[in-house]
Amino acid sequence: MASTSRSIIKSVLSREQAEGAGARVRRSIGRPELRNHDPFLMLDEFNVDKNGGFPDHPHRGFETVTYMLEGQFQHEDFAGHKGIIGPGDLQWMTAGRGIVHSEMPVKSQTRAHGLQLWINLPQEHKMCEPQYQELLDKEIPRATPQEGVTVKVIAGESHGVKSKVYTRTPTMYLDYKMDKNKTVEQSIPSSYTGFIYMLKGTAFIGDKEFEGKAHHTLTFSEDGAETIKIQTKDEDAHFVVIAGEPLKEPIVQHGPFVMNTQEEIYKTFVDYQFNQNGFERARDWHSTIA
């Protein structure tokens, strides 16, 4: 007997909005209709021309995952960590107790296009030391469950292929490209919450073949089913499947700070203002790329 697939319970269109300095983003998770999707706080599809970007700004209490689709992005932080990620490359940044950084497009190109996902950290890891995991496109493993279906395994596992990315909050992040007239089943742990974000084309999800179109976020049912069935019909599709273990902890978010209580947020503002408890290196620091 065929396994029962998760179904889609909500579809939300990501409308374009301004963010940062001259950047345009389509916000998926994090918009009013999808405020949080535990453990996920935000997903943005960003388009930034050479004059835009995200100049110096802080984070505490969660992880940011930047996945490039086109163009190049450069980043620099107050600890001297800097680099460039290009098409298909990944940066998994654990902000932990505090980071101040800048993310800007490379000036010699037309635009930078990619996805940035914010993943909440459990209370026990919110004040951990900052950490980076960076993978070039060629270092991210691929699964090919059938001809015409390719899965980049950014985090977690797909069709026997595992990512080497360490996730403090158990997470799967898969980049699917499917030719037309294909059907695939993706395993998903029964306890995970998750969603699909459509980048291009049309896919039909679940036994009821819910139609997912570009720039829509499709959230999964939370019924314990351990597969998600995905089909294409008369066109190709490109989308990401993102799912994770819900933390089931209080979320208090104020901009780039995400903690468990209002008191911790207040303390974070004090720490940032007085360059202490993780923000010591922010004193008099300015990035060279912004």
C-alpha atoms as a PDB file:
ATOM      1  CA  MET A   1       0.000   0.000   0.000  1.00  0.00           C
ATOM      2  CA  ALA A   2       1.313   3.473  -0.903  1.00  0.00           C
ATOM      3  CA  SER A   3       2.251   5.651   2.029  1.00  0.00           C
ATOM      4  CA  THR A   4       0.025   8.613   2.874  1.00  0.00           C
ATOM      5  CA  SER A   5       1.537  11.981   1.997  1.00  0.00           C
ATOM      6  CA  ARG A   6       1.454  15.145   4.017  1.00  0.00           C
ATOM      7  CA  SER A   7      -1.034  17.590   2.549  1.00  0.00           C
ATOM      8  CA  ILE A   8      -0.853  21.366   2.086  1.00  0.00           C
ATOM      9  CA  ILE A   9      -2.853  23.353   4.632  1.00  0.00           C
ATOM     10  CA  LYS A  10      -1.977  26.898   3.590  1.00  0.00           C
ATOM     11  CA  SER A  11      -0.653  28.682   0.494  1.00  0.00           C
ATOM     12  CA  VAL A  12       0.654  32.234   0.853  1.00  0.00           C
ATOM     13  CA  LEU A  13       1.936  34.442  -1.964  1.00  0.00           C
ATOM     14  CA  SER A  14       5.202  36.249  -1.159  1.00  0.00           C
ATOM     15  CA  ARG A  15       4.808  39.805  -2.377  1.00  0.00           C
ATOM     16  CA  GLU A  16       7.889  41.911  -3.069  1.00  0.00           C
ATOM     17  CA  GLN A  17       8.854  44.523  -0.468  1.00  0.00           C
ATOM     18  CA  ALA A  18      11.800  46.818   0.264  1.00  0.00           C
ATOM     19  CA  GLU A  19      14.384  45.669   2.818  1.00  0.00           C
ATOM     20  CA  GLY A  20      17.888  46.734   3.848  1.00  0.00           C
ATOM     21  CA  ALA A  21      19.418  49.419   1.611  1.00  0.00           C
ATOM     22  CA  GLY A  22      17.916  49.295  -1.867  1.00  0.00           C
ATOM     23  CA  ALA A  23      17.160  45.576  -1.721  1.00  0.00           C
ATOM     24  CA  ARG A  24      13.909  43.894  -2.765  1.00  0.00           C
ATOM     25  CA  VAL A  25      12.717  40.769  -0.987  1.00  0.00           C
ATOM     26  CA  ARG A  26       9.786  38.389  -1.287  1.00  0.00           C
ATOM     27  CA  ARG A  27       9.071  37.397   2.321  1.00  0.00           C
ATOM     28  CA  SER A  28       7.665  33.924   2.848  1.00  0.00           C
ATOM     29  CA  ILE A  29       7.811  32.869   6.502  1.00  0.00           C
ATOM     30  CA  GLY A  30       7.800  36.036   8.636  1.00  0.00           C
ATOM     31  CA  ARG A  31       4.974  37.894   6.895  1.00  0.00           C
ATOM     32  CA  PRO A  32       1.738  38.531   8.880  1.00  0.00           C
ATOM     33  CA  GLU A  33      -0.057  35.441   7.524  1.00  0.00           C
ATOM     34  CA  LEU A  34       2.915  33.211   8.453  1.00  0.00           C
ATOM     35  CA  ARG A  35       4.500  35.022  11.375  1.00  0.00           C
ATOM     36  CA  ASN A  36       6.595  32.061  12.527  1.00  0.00           C
ATOM     37  CA  HIS A  37       6.577  28.443  11.480  1.00  0.00           C
ATOM     38  CA  ASP A  38       8.449  26.885  14.418  1.00  0.00           C
ATOM     39  CA  PRO A  39      11.437  26.410  14.225  1.00  0.00           C
ATOM     40  CA  PHE A  40      11.579  28.825  11.267  1.00  0.00           C
ATOM     41  CA  LEU A  41      11.418  32.583  11.789  1.00  0.00           C
ATOM     42  CA  MET A  42      11.803  33.961   8.272  1.00  0.00           C
ATOM     43  CA  LEU A  43      12.460  33.063   4.654  1.00  0.00           C
ATOM     44  CA  ASP A  44      13.285  35.807   2.139  1.00  0.00           C
ATOM     45  CA  GLU A  45      13.871  35.460  -1.586  1.00  0.00           C
ATOM     46  CA  PHE A  46      16.135  38.464  -2.207  1.00  0.00           C
ATOM     47  CA  ASN A  47      17.037  40.399  -5.328  1.00  0.00           C
ATOM     48  CA  VAL A  48      19.720  43.004  -4.850  1.00  0.00           C
ATOM     49  CA  ASP A  49      21.396  45.122  -7.505  1.00  0.00           C
ATOM     50  CA  LYS A  50      24.979  46.343  -7.126  1.00  0.00           C
ATOM     51  CA  ASN A  51      23.837  49.510  -5.345  1.00  0.00           C
ATOM     52  CA  GLY A  52      21.779  47.714  -2.674  1.00  0.00           C
ATOM     53  CA  GLY A  53      22.540  45.335   0.151  1.00  0.00           C
ATOM     54  CA  PHE A  54      22.371  44.768   3.885  1.00  0.00           C
ATOM     55  CA  PRO A  55      24.942  47.022   5.600  1.00  0.00           C
ATOM     56  CA  ASP A  56      26.260  46.545   9.162  1.00  0.00           C
ATOM     57  CA  HIS A  57      23.644  44.973  11.464  1.00  0.00           C
ATOM     58  CA  PRO A  58      23.590  42.687  14.527  1.00  0.00           C
ATOM     59  CA  HIS A  59      22.013  39.277  15.290  1.00  0.00           C
ATOM     60  CA  ARG A  60      21.544  37.182  18.417  1.00  0.00           C
ATOM     61  CA  GLY A  61      19.717  33.956  19.273  1.00  0.00           C
ATOM     62  CA  PHE A  62      19.256  32.196  15.929  1.00  0.00           C
ATOM     63  CA  GLU A  63      20.892  31.065  12.677  1.00  0.00           C
ATOM     64  CA  THR A  64      20.856  32.666   9.216  1.00  0.00           C
ATOM     65  CA  VAL A  65      21.194  30.419   6.168  1.00  0.00           C
ATOM     66  CA  THR A  66      22.088  32.176   2.908  1.00  0.00           C
ATOM     67  CA  TYR A  67      21.778  30.162  -0.292  1.00  0.00           C
ATOM     68  CA  MET A  68      22.750  31.853  -3.552  1.00  0.00           C
ATOM     69  CA  LEU A  69      20.838  31.228  -6.775  1.00  0.00           C
ATOM     70  CA  GLU A  70      22.463  33.842  -9.049  1.00  0.00           C
ATOM     71  CA  GLY A  71      25.273  36.348  -8.680  1.00  0.00           C
ATOM     72  CA  GLN A  72      27.662  36.797  -5.778  1.00  0.00           C
ATOM     73  CA  PHE A  73      27.337  38.116  -2.245  1.00  0.00           C
ATOM     74  CA  GLN A  74      30.187  39.254  -0.026  1.00  0.00           C
ATOM     75  CA  HIS A  75      30.040  39.241   3.739  1.00  0.00           C
ATOM     76  CA  GLU A  76      32.213  40.546   6.558  1.00  0.00           C
ATOM     77  CA  ASP A  77      31.808  40.422  10.327  1.00  0.00           C
ATOM     78  CA  PHE A  78      33.329  42.104  13.376  1.00  0.00           C
ATOM     79  CA  ALA A  79      35.530  39.059  14.079  1.00  0.00           C
ATOM     80  CA  GLY A  80      37.394  39.500  10.792  1.00  0.00           C
ATOM     81  CA  HIS A  81      35.544  36.707   8.999  1.00  0.00           C
ATOM     82  CA  LYS A  82      34.933  37.646   5.376  1.00  0.00           C
ATOM     83  CA  GLY A  83      34.334  35.976   2.062  1.00  0.00           C
ATOM     84  CA  ILE A  84      32.258  35.684  -1.095  1.00  0.00           C
ATOM     85  CA  ILE A  85      29.548  33.186  -1.953  1.00  0.00           C
ATOM     86  CA  GLY A  86      28.450  32.633  -5.546  1.00  0.00           C
ATOM     87  CA  PRO A  87      25.742  30.729  -7.443  1.00  0.00           C
ATOM     88  CA  GLY A  88      24.749  27.537  -5.621  1.00  0.00           C
ATOM     89  CA  ASP A  89      26.972  28.277  -2.595  1.00  0.00           C
ATOM     90  CA  LEU A  90      25.802  28.162   1.009  1.00  0.00           C
ATOM     91  CA  GLN A  91      26.595  30.061   4.195  1.00  0.00           C
ATOM     92  CA  TRP A  92      25.113  28.659   7.427  1.00  0.00           C
ATOM     93  CA  MET A  93      25.789  31.238  10.136  1.00  0.00           C
ATOM     94  CA  THR A  94      25.063  30.571  13.794  1.00  0.00           C
ATOM     95  CA  ALA A  95      24.793  34.021  15.370  1.00  0.00           C
ATOM     96  CA  GLY A  96      24.511  32.583  18.883  1.00  0.00           C
ATOM     97  CA  ARG A  97      25.382  35.159  21.551  1.00  0.00           C
ATOM     98  CA  GLY A  98      26.141  37.864  19.055  1.00  0.00           C
ATOM     99  CA  ILE A  99      27.440  38.844  15.668  1.00  0.00           C
ATOM    100  CA  VAL A 100      27.585  42.125  13.766  1.00  0.00           C
ATOM    101  CA  HIS A 101      28.071  41.755  10.043  1.00  0.00           C
ATOM    102  CA  SER A 102      27.434  43.175   6.599  1.00  0.00           C
ATOM    103  CA  GLU A 103      26.074  41.367   3.513  1.00  0.00           C
ATOM    104  CA  MET A 104      26.541  43.164   0.194  1.00  0.00           C
ATOM    105  CA  PRO A 105      26.467  42.224  -3.507  1.00  0.00           C
ATOM    106  CA  VAL A 106      29.708  42.169  -5.459  1.00  0.00           C
ATOM    107  CA  LYS A 107      29.811  45.556  -7.208  1.00  0.00           C
ATOM    108  CA  SER A 108      30.943  44.274 -10.614  1.00  0.00           C
ATOM    109  CA  GLN A 109      27.757  42.302 -11.293  1.00  0.00           C
ATOM    110  CA  THR A 110      24.181  43.106 -12.256  1.00  0.00           C
ATOM    111  CA  ARG A 111      22.298  41.457  -9.384  1.00  0.00           C
ATOM    112  CA  ALA A 112      22.451  38.978  -6.526  1.00  0.00           C
ATOM    113  CA  HIS A 113      19.505  36.581  -6.155  1.00  0.00           C
ATOM    114  CA  GLY A 114      19.099  34.016  -3.407  1.00  0.00           C
ATOM    115  CA  LEU A 115      17.293  32.803  -0.311  1.00  0.00           C
ATOM    116  CA  GLN A 116      17.896  33.671   3.318  1.00  0.00           C
ATOM    117  CA  LEU A 117      16.327  31.471   5.989  1.00  0.00           C
ATOM    118  CA  TRP A 118      16.267  32.277   9.712  1.00  0.00           C
ATOM    119  CA  ILE A 119      16.168  29.238  12.008  1.00  0.00           C
ATOM    120  CA  ASN A 120      15.488  29.653  15.703  1.00  0.00           C
ATOM    121  CA  LEU A 121      17.953  28.220  18.227  1.00  0.00           C
ATOM    122  CA  PRO A 122      16.781  26.344  21.314  1.00  0.00           C
ATOM    123  CA  GLN A 123      17.240  28.138  24.627  1.00  0.00           C
ATOM    124  CA  GLU A 124      20.302  26.027  25.475  1.00  0.00           C
ATOM    125  CA  HIS A 125      22.128  27.205  22.314  1.00  0.00           C
ATOM    126  CA  LYS A 126      21.006  30.837  22.054  1.00  0.00           C
ATOM    127  CA  MET A 127      24.163  32.111  23.761  1.00  0.00           C
ATOM    128  CA  CYS A 128      26.637  29.742  22.049  1.00  0.00           C
ATOM    129  CA  GLU A 129      29.726  31.070  20.299  1.00  0.00           C
ATOM    130  CA  PRO A 130      29.121  32.252  16.720  1.00  0.00           C
ATOM    131  CA  GLN A 131      30.031  29.748  14.014  1.00  0.00           C
ATOM    132  CA  TYR A 132      30.085  29.555  10.208  1.00  0.00           C
ATOM    133  CA  GLN A 133      29.609  26.565   7.936  1.00  0.00           C
ATOM    134  CA  GLU A 134      30.307  27.430   4.316  1.00  0.00           C
ATOM    135  CA  LEU A 135      29.949  25.107   1.344  1.00  0.00           C
ATOM    136  CA  LEU A 136      30.639  25.784  -2.314  1.00  0.00           C
ATOM    137  CA  ASP A 137      28.081  24.530  -4.811  1.00  0.00           C
ATOM    138  CA  LYS A 138      30.364  21.626  -5.799  1.00  0.00           C
ATOM    139  CA  GLU A 139      30.627  20.533  -2.133  1.00  0.00           C
ATOM    140  CA  ILE A 140      26.865  20.167  -1.633  1.00  0.00           C
ATOM    141  CA  PRO A 141      25.843  16.546  -2.309  1.00  0.00           C
ATOM    142  CA  ARG A 142      23.142  15.661  -4.843  1.00  0.00           C
ATOM    143  CA  ALA A 143      20.548  12.926  -4.939  1.00  0.00           C
ATOM    144  CA  THR A 144      19.067  11.767  -8.241  1.00  0.00           C
ATOM    145  CA  PRO A 145      16.036   9.668  -7.282  1.00  0.00           C
ATOM    146  CA  GLN A 146      15.144   9.300 -10.981  1.00  0.00           C
ATOM    147  CA  GLU A 147      16.090  10.763 -14.331  1.00  0.00           C
ATOM    148  CA  GLY A 148      14.897  14.366 -14.520  1.00  0.00           C
ATOM    149  CA  VAL A 149      14.817  14.885 -10.733  1.00  0.00           C
ATOM    150  CA  THR A 150      17.828  16.399  -8.947  1.00  0.00           C
ATOM    151  CA  VAL A 151      17.949  17.215  -5.232  1.00  0.00           C
ATOM    152  CA  LYS A 152      20.711  19.321  -3.679  1.00  0.00           C
ATOM    153  CA  VAL A 153      20.914  18.167  -0.071  1.00  0.00           C
ATOM    154  CA  ILE A 154      21.770  21.406   1.752  1.00  0.00           C
ATOM    155  CA  ALA A 155      20.821  19.990   5.180  1.00  0.00           C
ATOM    156  CA  GLY A 156      19.357  16.687   6.305  1.00  0.00           C
ATOM    157  CA  GLU A 157      18.878  13.719   3.993  1.00  0.00           C
ATOM    158  CA  SER A 158      17.171  12.867   0.707  1.00  0.00           C
ATOM    159  CA  HIS A 159      17.007   9.494  -1.044  1.00  0.00           C
ATOM    160  CA  GLY A 160      19.996   8.100   0.851  1.00  0.00           C
ATOM    161  CA  VAL A 161      22.207  11.194   0.393  1.00  0.00           C
ATOM    162  CA  LYS A 162      23.180  13.089   3.559  1.00  0.00           C
ATOM    163  CA  SER A 163      24.428  16.635   4.089  1.00  0.00           C
ATOM    164  CA  LYS A 164      27.460  17.256   6.282  1.00  0.00           C
ATOM    165  CA  VAL A 165      26.002  20.503   7.665  1.00  0.00           C
ATOM    166  CA  TYR A 166      25.566  20.353  11.451  1.00  0.00           C
ATOM    167  CA  THR A 167      22.177  21.676  12.532  1.00  0.00           C
ATOM    168  CA  ARG A 168      21.694  22.558  16.201  1.00  0.00           C
ATOM    169  CA  THR A 169      17.965  22.647  15.484  1.00  0.00           C
ATOM    170  CA  PRO A 170      17.296  19.442  13.475  1.00  0.00           C
ATOM    171  CA  THR A 171      16.571  20.714   9.959  1.00  0.00           C
ATOM    172  CA  MET A 172      16.226  19.504   6.378  1.00  0.00           C
ATOM    173  CA  TYR A 173      16.765  21.907   3.485  1.00  0.00           C
ATOM    174  CA  LEU A 174      16.488  20.470  -0.024  1.00  0.00           C
ATOM    175  CA  ASP A 175      16.708  22.219  -3.397  1.00  0.00           C
ATOM    176  CA  TYR A 176      14.574  20.296  -5.914  1.00  0.00           C
ATOM    177  CA  LYS A 177      14.660  20.632  -9.696  1.00  0.00           C
ATOM    178  CA  MET A 178      12.112  18.465 -11.518  1.00  0.00           C
ATOM    179  CA  ASP A 179      11.464  18.045 -15.226  1.00  0.00           C
ATOM    180  CA  LYS A 180       7.835  17.923 -16.335  1.00  0.00           C
ATOM    181  CA  ASN A 181       5.738  14.768 -15.860  1.00  0.00           C
ATOM    182  CA  LYS A 182       7.654  13.448 -12.850  1.00  0.00           C
ATOM    183  CA  THR A 183       6.488  12.128  -9.471  1.00  0.00           C
ATOM    184  CA  VAL A 184       8.697  11.844  -6.400  1.00  0.00           C
ATOM    185  CA  GLU A 185       8.194  11.064  -2.717  1.00  0.00           C
ATOM    186  CA  GLN A 186      10.372  12.780  -0.126  1.00  0.00           C
ATOM    187  CA  SER A 187      10.721  11.287   3.353  1.00  0.00           C
ATOM    188  CA  ILE A 188      10.175  13.660   6.261  1.00  0.00           C
ATOM    189  CA  PRO A 189      10.408  12.871   9.999  1.00  0.00           C
ATOM    190  CA  SER A 190       6.900  12.580  11.472  1.00  0.00           C
ATOM    191  CA  SER A 191       7.541  15.258  14.131  1.00  0.00           C
ATOM    192  CA  TYR A 192       8.866  17.919  11.709  1.00  0.00           C
ATOM    193  CA  THR A 193       6.923  20.995  10.626  1.00  0.00           C
ATOM    194  CA  GLY A 194       7.716  22.131   7.116  1.00  0.00           C
ATOM    195  CA  PHE A 195       6.901  23.921   3.907  1.00  0.00           C
ATOM    196  CA  ILE A 196       7.735  24.211   0.230  1.00  0.00           C
ATOM    197  CA  TYR A 197       8.756  27.527  -1.311  1.00  0.00           C
ATOM    198  CA  MET A 198       8.206  27.573  -5.076  1.00  0.00           C
ATOM    199  CA  LEU A 199      10.877  29.373  -7.070  1.00  0.00           C
ATOM    200  CA  LYS A 200       9.769  28.545 -10.611  1.00  0.00           C
ATOM    201  CA  GLY A 201       7.140  26.545 -12.460  1.00  0.00           C
ATOM    202  CA  THR A 202       4.255  24.570 -10.980  1.00  0.00           C
ATOM    203  CA  ALA A 203       4.202  21.489  -8.739  1.00  0.00           C
ATOM    204  CA  PHE A 204       1.334  19.413  -7.368  1.00  0.00           C
ATOM    205  CA  ILE A 205       1.743  18.348  -3.750  1.00  0.00           C
ATOM    206  CA  GLY A 206       0.134  15.597  -1.709  1.00  0.00           C
ATOM    207  CA  ASP A 207      -2.478  12.991  -2.598  1.00  0.00           C
ATOM    208  CA  LYS A 208      -4.950  15.790  -3.404  1.00  0.00           C
ATOM    209  CA  GLU A 209      -2.439  17.374  -5.814  1.00  0.00           C
ATOM    210  CA  PHE A 210      -2.477  20.869  -4.325  1.00  0.00           C
ATOM    211  CA  GLU A 211      -1.200  23.252  -7.017  1.00  0.00           C
ATOM    212  CA  GLY A 212       1.879  25.250  -6.005  1.00  0.00           C
ATOM    213  CA  LYS A 213       2.981  28.173  -8.153  1.00  0.00           C
ATOM    214  CA  ALA A 214       6.080  30.400  -8.155  1.00  0.00           C
ATOM    215  CA  HIS A 215       6.646  32.659  -5.109  1.00  0.00           C
ATOM    216  CA  HIS A 216       4.107  30.773  -2.984  1.00  0.00           C
ATOM    217  CA  THR A 217       4.841  29.205   0.410  1.00  0.00           C
ATOM    218  CA  LEU A 218       2.969  25.933   0.919  1.00  0.00           C
ATOM    219  CA  THR A 219       2.834  24.712   4.530  1.00  0.00           C
ATOM    220  CA  PHE A 220       2.572  21.007   5.343  1.00  0.00           C
ATOM    221  CA  SER A 221      -0.095  19.315   7.432  1.00  0.00           C
ATOM    222  CA  GLU A 222       1.143  18.243  10.862  1.00  0.00           C
ATOM    223  CA  ASP A 223      -0.451  14.800  10.875  1.00  0.00           C
ATOM    224  CA  GLY A 224       2.606  12.606  11.454  1.00  0.00           C
ATOM    225  CA  ALA A 225       2.790  11.387   7.840  1.00  0.00           C
ATOM    226  CA  GLU A 226       6.387  10.595   6.890  1.00  0.00           C
ATOM    227  CA  THR A 227       6.388  11.399   3.178  1.00  0.00           C
ATOM    228  CA  ILE A 228       5.523  14.290   0.931  1.00  0.00           C
ATOM    229  CA  LYS A 229       4.443  13.439  -2.608  1.00  0.00           C
ATOM    230  CA  ILE A 230       5.386  15.953  -5.305  1.00  0.00           C
ATOM    231  CA  GLN A 231       4.410  15.849  -8.989  1.00  0.00           C
ATOM    232  CA  THR A 232       5.024  17.933 -12.068  1.00  0.00           C
ATOM    233  CA  LYS A 233       2.728  17.893 -15.079  1.00  0.00           C
ATOM    234  CA  ASP A 234       3.234  20.051 -18.163  1.00  0.00           C
ATOM    235  CA  GLU A 235       6.136  22.208 -16.934  1.00  0.00           C
ATOM    236  CA  ASP A 236       9.397  21.944 -15.018  1.00  0.00           C
ATOM    237  CA  ALA A 237       9.568  23.077 -11.404  1.00  0.00           C
ATOM    238  CA  HIS A 238      12.235  24.477  -9.071  1.00  0.00           C
ATOM    239  CA  PHE A 239      11.496  24.703  -5.344  1.00  0.00           C
ATOM    240  CA  VAL A 240      12.957  24.177  -1.885  1.00  0.00           C
ATOM    241  CA  VAL A 241      11.634  21.774   0.737  1.00  0.00           C
ATOM    242  CA  ILE A 242      12.396  23.035   4.259  1.00  0.00           C
ATOM    243  CA  ALA A 243      11.380  21.229   7.450  1.00  0.00           C
ATOM    244  CA  GLY A 244      12.563  20.994  11.036  1.00  0.00           C
ATOM    245  CA  GLU A 245      11.902  19.918  14.595  1.00  0.00           C
ATOM    246  CA  PRO A 246       9.665  22.479  16.315  1.00  0.00           C
ATOM    247  CA  LEU A 247      11.255  23.889  19.485  1.00  0.00           C
ATOM    248  CA  LYS A 248       7.944  24.610  21.230  1.00  0.00           C
ATOM    249  CA  GLU A 249       9.552  27.422  23.215  1.00  0.00           C
ATOM    250  CA  PRO A 250       8.354  31.024  23.648  1.00  0.00           C
ATOM    251  CA  ILE A 251       9.548  33.336  20.853  1.00  0.00           C
ATOM    252  CA  VAL A 252      10.210  36.991  21.621  1.00  0.00           C
ATOM    253  CA  GLN A 253      11.600  38.714  18.549  1.00  0.00           C
ATOM    254  CA  HIS A 254      12.669  42.305  18.179  1.00  0.00           C
ATOM    255  CA  GLY A 255      14.149  42.833  14.726  1.00  0.00           C
ATOM    256  CA  PRO A 256      17.455  40.943  14.544  1.00  0.00           C
ATOM    257  CA  PHE A 257      17.277  39.623  18.114  1.00  0.00           C
ATOM    258  CA  VAL A 258      15.290  36.458  18.958  1.00  0.00           C
ATOM    259  CA  MET A 259      15.125  35.258  22.546  1.00  0.00           C
ATOM    260  CA  ASN A 260      12.643  33.485  24.874  1.00  0.00           C
ATOM    261  CA  THR A 261      11.580  36.359  27.137  1.00  0.00           C
ATOM    262  CA  GLN A 262      11.094  40.121  26.987  1.00  0.00           C
ATOM    263  CA  GLU A 263      13.696  40.440  29.733  1.00  0.00           C
ATOM    264  CA  GLU A 264      16.297  38.648  27.576  1.00  0.00           C
ATOM    265  CA  ILE A 265      15.502  41.000  24.681  1.00  0.00           C
ATOM    266  CA  TYR A 266      15.982  44.007  26.970  1.00  0.00           C
ATOM    267  CA  LYS A 267      19.302  42.533  28.145  1.00  0.00           C
ATOM    268  CA  THR A 268      20.329  42.030  24.504  1.00  0.00           C
ATOM    269  CA  PHE A 269      19.706  45.715  23.748  1.00  0.00           C
ATOM    270  CA  VAL A 270      21.852  46.655  26.756  1.00  0.00           C
ATOM    271  CA  ASP A 271      24.620  44.234  25.672  1.00  0.00           C
ATOM    272  CA  TYR A 272      24.608  45.630  22.140  1.00  0.00           C
ATOM    273  CA  GLN A 273      24.528  49.248  23.308  1.00  0.00           C
ATOM    274  CA  PHE A 274      27.423  48.739  25.742  1.00  0.00           C
ATOM    275  CA  ASN A 275      29.438  46.269  23.608  1.00  0.00           C
ATOM    276  CA  GLN A 276      29.344  43.423  26.109  1.00  0.00           C
ATOM    277  CA  ASN A 277      28.423  39.708  26.490  1.00  0.00           C
ATOM    278  CA  GLY A 278      29.227  38.796  22.887  1.00  0.00           C
ATOM    279  CA  PHE A 279      29.189  42.262  21.322  1.00  0.00           C
ATOM    280  CA  GLU A 280      32.607  43.407  22.611  1.00  0.00           C
ATOM    281  CA  ARG A 281      34.072  43.530  19.096  1.00  0.00           C
ATOM    282  CA  ALA A 282      31.254  45.780  17.840  1.00  0.00           C
ATOM    283  CA  ARG A 283      32.859  48.814  19.485  1.00  0.00           C
ATOM    284  CA  ASP A 284      34.053  51.166  16.720  1.00  0.00           C
ATOM    285  CA  TRP A 285      33.735  48.390  14.089  1.00  0.00           C
ATOM    286  CA  HIS A 286      32.626  49.272  10.582  1.00  0.00           C
ATOM    287  CA  SER A 287      32.715  46.875   7.664  1.00  0.00           C
ATOM    288  CA  THR A 288      34.878  47.715   4.647  1.00  0.00           C
ATOM    289  CA  ILE A 289      32.322  46.403   2.129  1.00  0.00           C
ATOM    290  CA  ALA A 290      29.185  48.393   3.032  1.00  0.00           C
END
